[in-house]
Amino acid sequence: MPTTDTHTTPTSIPQRKLTPDLARGFMLLLIAMAYSGIYLTASDVGGYGSMPGGSGLDQTVSFTATLLLENRAFPLFGIMFGIGMVMLVTRQSQKGTSEADSRRLLKRRALWLLVFGIAHAILVFPGEILAAYGLATLILAWLLFRPSTVLARAAAIVSVYYVVVIMLGSLAMGAYAQEMDEGDFAIPGYLTATDWVERMVSGPIAPLFNVFFFPTLILVIIGIIMGRKGYLDDPERHRHTLRKLAIGGITISVLGALPMALAGAGALDLSDAAYGLTSGLQILTGIIGGIGYVAAFALLGIRLERSRGPITRALAAGGQRSLTLYLYCSVMIAVVMHPDLIGIGDHTHRAGAVTIAFLIWVSGIVLMRAQDSAGKPGPADKLLRTLVYRPAKQAKPTN
């Protein structure tokens, strides 16, 4: 049997921890706000180095989103996903589950995440992330049963790969920036056969792009490392390290995004090559920002663990039902914003999109809290657990 690094893996999880649930609940707000602008149809939405139009508030929101949300919310999700994988394997080990059975469990979970994600991509949001993390699980699950030295080598190799791929890809995007317009990144519609063909094609392709051209794998590996160290399992013990990670990670993240934000505000006039380099820098420093955000939530969890007020309990309820909350926010944002549905995206700008995302997230948190009070799990979370944990011969999706 391959060895597991027992010195760094948490040895017991006596009850559900508050910190991971808080982080999951709040990160879904950041994710919703980060991509809500994709449904806007104005030609001057801005973001990612493009100058926004709209009001002064819209421009302020665009600048702030570039600094704190764009290519920062999804890294937080990826790291939390890796931490969750460690917690899952740890719980199975405590129950006496063999390594072989744990591997099969991870594989079933990955396959069903692919199914959920591709369906979500086709029906709702082609840029979704569930399928990408299902694919990442299939690629990386073996690392959960290897010592930290192997994990460190994998992190080094994957990091070099992403630096090269992201910088080359960003430079290529910069070279063609003048030929692109907002329509190149528009969400497919619902009304024509062409719309549905585009959705059917992009749904299965998106996870491949997200895994191999966006730093998904390194984010999950970082999450596995942080999970083994028990940063979210026992944040009080790691308070000093977490403080350094939070301050350093968020500072580097903001500095790395600042050139892109300034370009979007019109304060920097970038050549195509400079735009590519700036874009690559913004993406890569977002990885470090994800680490900083996780550490910040861990520190927040220390404070909130002592006195669980109504807001804390509501956030935790959302985190416990993170799959349901993620899908709820995604579906509702699409219904409200998509031009082929209610179509608010035709009539608002960046600040309006972020506000709508926030209000939808709040309504989702309220619903998750109501389910928690009733002792009910999130429907999507319950369905995934049912499919994953029932006998493999019944649950395994066909390929």
Protein backbone atom coordinates (compact mmCIF):
# COMPACT_ATOMS: atom_id res chain seq x y z
CA MET A 1 0.00 0.00 0.00
CA PRO A 2 1.38 3.46 -0.84
CA THR A 3 2.36 5.46 2.19
CA THR A 4 0.39 8.44 3.44
CA ASP A 5 1.99 11.38 5.19
CA THR A 6 0.41 10.82 8.58
CA HIS A 7 2.46 13.54 10.25
CA THR A 8 0.73 16.33 8.37
CA THR A 9 -2.76 14.92 7.87
CA PRO A 10 -5.27 15.85 10.59
CA THR A 11 -5.92 12.77 12.70
CA SER A 12 -9.45 13.45 13.81
CA ILE A 13 -12.48 15.49 12.86
CA PRO A 14 -14.80 15.11 15.86
CA GLN A 15 -17.46 17.43 14.49
CA ARG A 16 -18.09 19.56 11.46
CA LYS A 17 -15.79 22.56 11.52
CA LEU A 18 -17.15 26.07 11.10
CA THR A 19 -14.28 27.58 9.12
CA PRO A 20 -14.57 25.48 5.91
CA ASP A 21 -18.32 26.06 5.79
CA LEU A 22 -17.91 29.81 6.30
CA ALA A 23 -15.32 29.94 3.53
CA ARG A 24 -17.49 27.94 1.13
CA GLY A 25 -20.57 30.03 1.87
CA PHE A 26 -18.83 33.36 1.36
CA MET A 27 -16.73 32.28 -1.62
CA LEU A 28 -19.92 31.58 -3.58
CA LEU A 29 -20.77 35.27 -3.24
CA LEU A 30 -17.38 36.20 -4.69
CA ILE A 31 -17.83 33.74 -7.56
CA ALA A 32 -21.34 34.99 -8.34
CA MET A 33 -20.20 38.62 -8.39
CA ALA A 34 -17.11 37.77 -10.44
CA TYR A 35 -18.99 36.30 -13.40
CA SER A 36 -22.30 38.18 -13.23
CA GLY A 37 -20.99 40.72 -15.75
CA ILE A 38 -20.82 38.07 -18.47
CA TYR A 39 -24.58 38.48 -18.96
CA LEU A 40 -24.37 42.22 -19.63
CA THR A 41 -24.97 43.22 -23.25
CA ALA A 42 -23.55 46.76 -23.08
CA SER A 43 -20.55 47.26 -25.37
CA ASP A 44 -18.52 48.94 -22.61
CA VAL A 45 -18.81 46.51 -19.69
CA GLY A 46 -15.07 46.70 -19.00
CA GLY A 47 -13.06 44.39 -16.80
CA TYR A 48 -9.91 42.41 -17.56
CA GLY A 49 -8.06 45.55 -18.63
CA SER A 50 -10.84 47.03 -20.77
CA MET A 51 -12.14 50.49 -19.95
CA PRO A 52 -15.72 50.38 -18.67
CA GLY A 53 -18.43 52.83 -19.46
CA GLY A 54 -21.50 53.43 -17.37
CA SER A 55 -21.58 55.61 -14.29
CA GLY A 56 -18.77 56.42 -11.90
CA LEU A 57 -20.11 53.65 -9.65
CA ASP A 58 -19.90 51.15 -12.52
CA GLN A 59 -16.30 52.15 -13.16
CA THR A 60 -15.44 51.85 -9.47
CA VAL A 61 -16.99 48.39 -9.31
CA SER A 62 -15.05 47.32 -12.42
CA PHE A 63 -11.76 48.56 -10.93
CA THR A 64 -12.43 46.83 -7.61
CA ALA A 65 -13.49 43.60 -9.30
CA THR A 66 -10.23 43.47 -11.25
CA LEU A 67 -8.27 43.88 -8.01
CA LEU A 68 -10.25 41.51 -5.80
CA LEU A 69 -12.57 39.23 -7.83
CA GLU A 70 -11.43 38.52 -11.37
CA ASN A 71 -9.20 35.42 -11.34
CA ARG A 72 -9.36 35.51 -7.53
CA ALA A 73 -12.73 34.01 -6.60
CA PHE A 74 -12.21 30.83 -8.62
CA PRO A 75 -8.75 30.16 -7.10
CA LEU A 76 -10.40 30.29 -3.68
CA PHE A 77 -12.87 27.63 -4.88
CA GLY A 78 -10.08 25.44 -6.23
CA ILE A 79 -8.06 25.53 -3.03
CA MET A 80 -11.16 24.82 -0.94
CA PHE A 81 -11.94 21.90 -3.23
CA GLY A 82 -8.50 20.40 -2.56
CA ILE A 83 -8.94 20.88 1.18
CA GLY A 84 -12.31 19.15 0.93
CA MET A 85 -10.71 16.16 -0.80
CA VAL A 86 -8.31 15.76 2.13
CA MET A 87 -11.18 15.95 4.61
CA LEU A 88 -13.15 13.34 2.66
CA VAL A 89 -10.24 10.88 2.60
CA THR A 90 -9.50 11.54 6.28
CA ARG A 91 -13.10 10.77 7.26
CA GLN A 92 -13.08 7.58 5.21
CA SER A 93 -9.84 6.50 6.87
CA GLN A 94 -11.35 7.09 10.32
CA LYS A 95 -14.26 4.84 9.34
CA GLY A 96 -11.85 2.06 8.42
CA THR A 97 -12.31 2.43 4.65
CA SER A 98 -9.46 0.88 2.68
CA GLU A 99 -7.35 2.94 0.31
CA ALA A 100 -8.76 1.03 -2.66
CA ASP A 101 -12.34 1.82 -1.61
CA SER A 102 -11.45 5.47 -0.99
CA ARG A 103 -9.99 5.67 -4.48
CA ARG A 104 -13.16 4.20 -5.95
CA LEU A 105 -15.23 6.68 -3.94
CA LEU A 106 -13.18 9.59 -5.29
CA LYS A 107 -13.54 8.28 -8.83
CA ARG A 108 -17.34 8.00 -8.53
CA ARG A 109 -17.51 11.50 -7.09
CA ALA A 110 -15.36 12.83 -9.93
CA LEU A 111 -17.48 11.17 -12.61
CA TRP A 112 -20.70 12.50 -11.16
CA LEU A 113 -19.22 15.99 -10.85
CA LEU A 114 -18.44 15.74 -14.55
CA VAL A 115 -22.06 14.77 -15.25
CA PHE A 116 -23.45 17.57 -13.07
CA GLY A 117 -21.00 20.08 -14.51
CA ILE A 118 -21.55 19.28 -18.17
CA ALA A 119 -25.33 19.40 -17.68
CA HIS A 120 -24.94 22.74 -15.90
CA ALA A 121 -22.69 24.05 -18.68
CA ILE A 122 -25.14 23.06 -21.42
CA LEU A 123 -28.29 24.27 -19.68
CA VAL A 124 -27.04 27.32 -17.78
CA PHE A 125 -23.46 28.60 -17.75
CA PRO A 126 -20.76 27.29 -20.14
CA GLY A 127 -18.04 28.76 -17.91
CA GLU A 128 -19.05 26.64 -14.93
CA ILE A 129 -16.46 24.86 -12.75
CA LEU A 130 -17.95 21.61 -11.42
CA ALA A 131 -16.87 19.54 -14.41
CA ALA A 132 -13.36 20.99 -14.29
CA TYR A 133 -12.95 19.89 -10.69
CA GLY A 134 -14.36 16.48 -11.49
CA LEU A 135 -11.68 16.13 -14.16
CA ALA A 136 -9.06 17.48 -11.74
CA THR A 137 -10.06 14.81 -9.22
CA LEU A 138 -9.53 12.05 -11.79
CA ILE A 139 -6.07 13.45 -12.54
CA LEU A 140 -4.91 14.21 -8.99
CA ALA A 141 -6.68 11.82 -6.60
CA TRP A 142 -3.64 9.52 -6.39
CA LEU A 143 -1.68 12.32 -4.71
CA LEU A 144 -3.94 12.04 -1.67
CA PHE A 145 -2.29 8.70 -0.91
CA ARG A 146 1.31 9.79 -1.45
CA PRO A 147 3.77 11.44 0.96
CA SER A 148 4.36 15.18 1.01
CA THR A 149 7.61 14.87 -0.93
CA VAL A 150 5.71 13.53 -3.94
CA LEU A 151 3.09 16.24 -3.51
CA ALA A 152 5.79 18.93 -3.47
CA ARG A 153 7.37 17.58 -6.67
CA ALA A 154 3.98 17.48 -8.37
CA ALA A 155 3.32 21.08 -7.29
CA ALA A 156 6.67 22.22 -8.72
CA ILE A 157 6.12 20.49 -12.08
CA VAL A 158 2.54 21.70 -12.46
CA SER A 159 3.53 25.25 -11.45
CA VAL A 160 6.14 25.47 -14.20
CA TYR A 161 3.62 24.13 -16.71
CA TYR A 162 1.04 26.78 -15.82
CA VAL A 163 3.52 29.66 -15.82
CA VAL A 164 4.53 28.75 -19.36
CA VAL A 165 1.03 28.02 -20.66
CA ILE A 166 -0.64 31.03 -19.06
CA MET A 167 2.02 33.52 -20.13
CA LEU A 168 2.08 32.19 -23.70
CA GLY A 169 -1.71 32.14 -23.83
CA SER A 170 -1.93 35.66 -22.42
CA LEU A 171 0.61 36.95 -24.95
CA ALA A 172 -1.40 35.33 -27.74
CA MET A 173 -4.58 36.95 -26.41
CA GLY A 174 -2.79 40.29 -26.27
CA ALA A 175 -1.69 39.93 -29.89
CA TYR A 176 -5.30 39.44 -31.01
CA ALA A 177 -6.86 41.88 -28.54
CA GLN A 178 -7.53 44.50 -31.20
CA GLU A 179 -9.52 42.00 -33.28
CA MET A 180 -11.76 40.85 -30.44
CA ASP A 181 -15.01 42.33 -29.26
CA GLU A 182 -17.52 41.60 -26.52
CA GLY A 183 -19.42 39.18 -28.77
CA ASP A 184 -16.48 36.79 -28.79
CA PHE A 185 -17.18 36.03 -25.13
CA ALA A 186 -20.99 36.16 -25.14
CA ILE A 187 -23.01 33.45 -23.41
CA PRO A 188 -24.96 31.34 -25.95
CA GLY A 189 -28.68 31.96 -26.14
CA TYR A 190 -31.67 29.63 -25.81
CA LEU A 191 -33.89 30.49 -28.77
CA THR A 192 -32.27 28.98 -31.85
CA ALA A 193 -30.85 25.64 -32.93
CA THR A 194 -27.46 27.33 -33.34
CA ASP A 195 -27.59 28.43 -29.70
CA TRP A 196 -28.12 24.85 -28.55
CA VAL A 197 -25.46 23.45 -30.84
CA GLU A 198 -23.02 25.95 -29.35
CA ARG A 199 -24.06 24.93 -25.85
CA MET A 200 -23.75 21.21 -26.63
CA VAL A 201 -20.27 21.72 -28.07
CA SER A 202 -18.91 24.12 -25.46
CA GLY A 203 -20.26 22.18 -22.48
CA PRO A 204 -17.84 19.23 -22.76
CA ILE A 205 -14.94 21.38 -24.03
CA ALA A 206 -15.00 23.95 -21.21
CA PRO A 207 -13.66 21.56 -18.50
CA LEU A 208 -10.64 20.74 -20.67
CA PHE A 209 -9.87 24.43 -21.14
CA ASN A 210 -10.35 25.18 -17.44
CA VAL A 211 -8.05 22.35 -16.36
CA PHE A 212 -5.23 22.69 -18.88
CA PHE A 213 -5.20 26.44 -19.62
CA PHE A 214 -6.37 27.84 -16.29
CA PRO A 215 -4.44 26.94 -13.10
CA THR A 216 -7.03 24.47 -11.79
CA LEU A 217 -4.63 21.61 -11.04
CA ILE A 218 -2.15 23.67 -9.04
CA LEU A 219 -5.01 25.18 -7.03
CA VAL A 220 -6.24 21.72 -6.06
CA ILE A 221 -2.69 20.62 -5.17
CA ILE A 222 -2.27 23.70 -2.99
CA GLY A 223 -5.56 22.81 -1.32
CA ILE A 224 -4.33 19.28 -0.64
CA ILE A 225 -1.17 20.68 0.94
CA MET A 226 -3.14 23.13 3.10
CA GLY A 227 -5.61 20.40 4.01
CA ARG A 228 -2.84 18.09 5.17
CA LYS A 229 -1.41 20.82 7.35
CA GLY A 230 -4.80 21.25 9.01
CA TYR A 231 -5.05 24.99 8.45
CA LEU A 232 -8.85 24.95 8.35
CA ASP A 233 -9.25 21.96 10.65
CA ASP A 234 -7.40 23.70 13.51
CA PRO A 235 -6.87 27.35 12.55
CA GLU A 236 -6.11 28.41 16.13
CA ARG A 237 -3.02 26.23 16.13
CA HIS A 238 -1.81 27.80 12.87
CA ARG A 239 -2.85 31.38 13.62
CA HIS A 240 0.65 32.87 13.10
CA THR A 241 1.19 31.12 9.77
CA LEU A 242 -2.31 31.96 8.59
CA ARG A 243 -1.81 35.63 9.39
CA LYS A 244 1.36 35.72 7.28
CA LEU A 245 -0.36 33.86 4.43
CA ALA A 246 -3.37 36.19 4.53
CA ILE A 247 -1.39 39.43 4.58
CA GLY A 248 1.27 38.29 2.12
CA GLY A 249 -1.09 36.47 -0.23
CA ILE A 250 -3.66 39.24 -0.54
CA THR A 251 -0.97 41.93 -0.84
CA ILE A 252 0.77 40.09 -3.69
CA SER A 253 -2.59 39.43 -5.32
CA VAL A 254 -3.60 43.10 -5.26
CA LEU A 255 -0.21 44.26 -6.52
CA GLY A 256 -0.32 41.67 -9.31
CA ALA A 257 -3.78 42.82 -10.40
CA LEU A 258 -3.06 46.54 -10.08
CA PRO A 259 -1.55 47.05 -13.58
CA MET A 260 -4.60 45.41 -15.17
CA ALA A 261 -6.94 47.50 -13.02
CA LEU A 262 -5.08 50.70 -13.92
CA ALA A 263 -5.23 49.78 -17.61
CA GLY A 264 -8.97 49.27 -17.26
CA ALA A 265 -9.25 52.68 -15.62
CA GLY A 266 -7.37 54.31 -18.50
CA ALA A 267 -4.35 55.18 -16.36
CA LEU A 268 -2.04 52.86 -18.32
CA ASP A 269 -1.78 52.65 -22.09
CA LEU A 270 -0.56 49.12 -22.81
CA SER A 271 0.81 47.70 -26.03
CA ASP A 272 -0.55 44.33 -27.10
CA ALA A 273 2.49 42.54 -25.66
CA ALA A 274 2.30 44.51 -22.42
CA TYR A 275 -1.39 43.69 -22.18
CA GLY A 276 -0.60 39.99 -22.53
CA LEU A 277 2.08 40.12 -19.84
CA THR A 278 -0.19 42.11 -17.54
CA SER A 279 -3.02 39.64 -18.06
CA GLY A 280 -0.76 36.68 -17.31
CA LEU A 281 0.52 38.39 -14.18
CA GLN A 282 -3.03 39.00 -13.01
CA ILE A 283 -3.97 35.34 -13.45
CA LEU A 284 -0.83 33.92 -11.81
CA THR A 285 -0.94 36.22 -8.79
CA GLY A 286 -4.57 35.20 -8.38
CA ILE A 287 -3.26 31.80 -7.27
CA ILE A 288 -1.44 33.47 -4.40
CA GLY A 289 -4.53 35.55 -3.74
CA GLY A 290 -6.55 32.36 -3.36
CA ILE A 291 -4.14 31.21 -0.64
CA GLY A 292 -4.50 34.57 1.08
CA TYR A 293 -8.29 34.44 0.95
CA VAL A 294 -8.38 30.92 2.43
CA ALA A 295 -6.06 32.03 5.24
CA ALA A 296 -8.20 35.12 5.88
CA PHE A 297 -11.35 33.00 6.17
CA ALA A 298 -9.55 30.66 8.56
CA LEU A 299 -8.65 33.62 10.78
CA LEU A 300 -12.22 34.88 10.59
CA GLY A 301 -13.41 31.42 11.59
CA ILE A 302 -11.36 31.60 14.79
CA ARG A 303 -13.31 34.70 15.86
CA LEU A 304 -16.71 33.44 14.79
CA GLU A 305 -16.27 29.96 16.28
CA ARG A 306 -16.63 31.43 19.76
CA SER A 307 -20.00 33.10 19.21
CA ARG A 308 -22.16 31.76 16.41
CA GLY A 309 -24.68 34.50 15.68
CA PRO A 310 -27.49 34.31 13.10
CA ILE A 311 -25.36 35.58 10.21
CA THR A 312 -22.59 33.11 11.02
CA ARG A 313 -25.06 30.23 11.19
CA ALA A 314 -26.63 31.29 7.89
CA LEU A 315 -23.24 31.45 6.14
CA ALA A 316 -22.31 28.05 7.56
CA ALA A 317 -25.62 26.60 6.35
CA GLY A 318 -24.79 27.84 2.87
CA GLY A 319 -21.34 26.30 3.07
CA GLN A 320 -22.77 22.97 4.18
CA ARG A 321 -24.98 23.04 1.09
CA SER A 322 -22.42 24.58 -1.24
CA LEU A 323 -23.36 22.57 -4.34
CA THR A 324 -27.02 23.52 -4.00
CA LEU A 325 -26.14 27.16 -3.31
CA TYR A 326 -23.73 27.31 -6.26
CA LEU A 327 -26.32 25.92 -8.68
CA TYR A 328 -29.09 28.09 -7.24
CA CYS A 329 -27.05 31.27 -7.70
CA SER A 330 -25.97 30.27 -11.19
CA VAL A 331 -29.49 29.42 -12.36
CA MET A 332 -31.06 32.50 -10.81
CA ILE A 333 -28.43 34.88 -12.20
CA ALA A 334 -28.99 33.38 -15.65
CA VAL A 335 -32.79 33.62 -15.35
CA VAL A 336 -32.67 37.24 -14.21
CA MET A 337 -29.82 38.49 -16.42
CA HIS A 338 -29.75 36.46 -19.65
CA PRO A 339 -31.14 38.45 -22.64
CA ASP A 340 -33.28 35.49 -23.74
CA LEU A 341 -34.90 35.14 -20.30
CA ILE A 342 -35.93 38.03 -18.03
CA GLY A 343 -33.18 40.05 -19.67
CA ILE A 344 -32.07 42.50 -16.98
CA GLY A 345 -28.60 42.23 -18.51
CA ASP A 346 -29.88 44.39 -21.38
CA HIS A 347 -30.74 47.24 -19.03
CA THR A 348 -28.02 47.46 -16.40
CA HIS A 349 -24.25 47.80 -16.10
CA ARG A 350 -21.45 46.45 -13.92
CA ALA A 351 -22.67 47.79 -10.57
CA GLY A 352 -26.17 46.51 -11.31
CA ALA A 353 -24.88 43.05 -12.18
CA VAL A 354 -22.88 42.80 -8.95
CA THR A 355 -25.88 44.01 -6.94
CA ILE A 356 -28.14 41.40 -8.55
CA ALA A 357 -25.58 38.68 -7.84
CA PHE A 358 -25.37 39.80 -4.21
CA LEU A 359 -29.15 39.82 -3.74
CA ILE A 360 -29.50 36.38 -5.32
CA TRP A 361 -26.74 35.04 -3.07
CA VAL A 362 -28.47 36.51 -0.01
CA SER A 363 -31.75 34.86 -1.01
CA GLY A 364 -29.86 31.59 -1.45
CA ILE A 365 -28.30 31.90 2.00
CA VAL A 366 -31.75 32.51 3.49
CA LEU A 367 -33.09 29.38 1.77
CA MET A 368 -30.11 27.29 2.90
CA ARG A 369 -30.60 28.52 6.47
CA ALA A 370 -34.28 27.55 6.30
CA GLN A 371 -33.30 24.07 5.16
CA ASP A 372 -30.78 23.88 7.97
CA SER A 373 -33.42 24.83 10.53
CA ALA A 374 -35.67 22.11 9.12
CA GLY A 375 -32.84 19.58 9.34
CA LYS A 376 -32.77 19.08 5.56
CA PRO A 377 -29.70 18.87 3.30
CA GLY A 378 -29.38 20.82 0.08
CA PRO A 379 -31.18 18.91 -2.72
CA ALA A 380 -28.19 18.90 -5.08
CA ASP A 381 -25.79 17.92 -2.28
CA LYS A 382 -28.11 15.11 -1.22
CA LEU A 383 -28.41 13.83 -4.78
CA LEU A 384 -24.63 13.84 -5.28
CA ARG A 385 -24.06 11.98 -2.00
CA THR A 386 -26.73 9.42 -2.89
CA LEU A 387 -25.13 8.77 -6.28
CA VAL A 388 -21.59 8.63 -4.90
CA TYR A 389 -22.12 6.54 -1.77
CA ARG A 390 -24.53 3.91 -3.00
CA PRO A 391 -22.98 0.71 -4.42
CA ALA A 392 -20.67 1.45 -7.33
CA LYS A 393 -22.43 -0.98 -9.69
CA GLN A 394 -25.63 1.10 -9.28
CA ALA A 395 -24.13 4.58 -9.13
CA LYS A 396 -21.39 4.64 -11.72
CA PRO A 397 -22.46 6.75 -14.71
CA THR A 398 -22.01 5.25 -18.12
CA ASN A 399 -19.44 6.69 -20.52
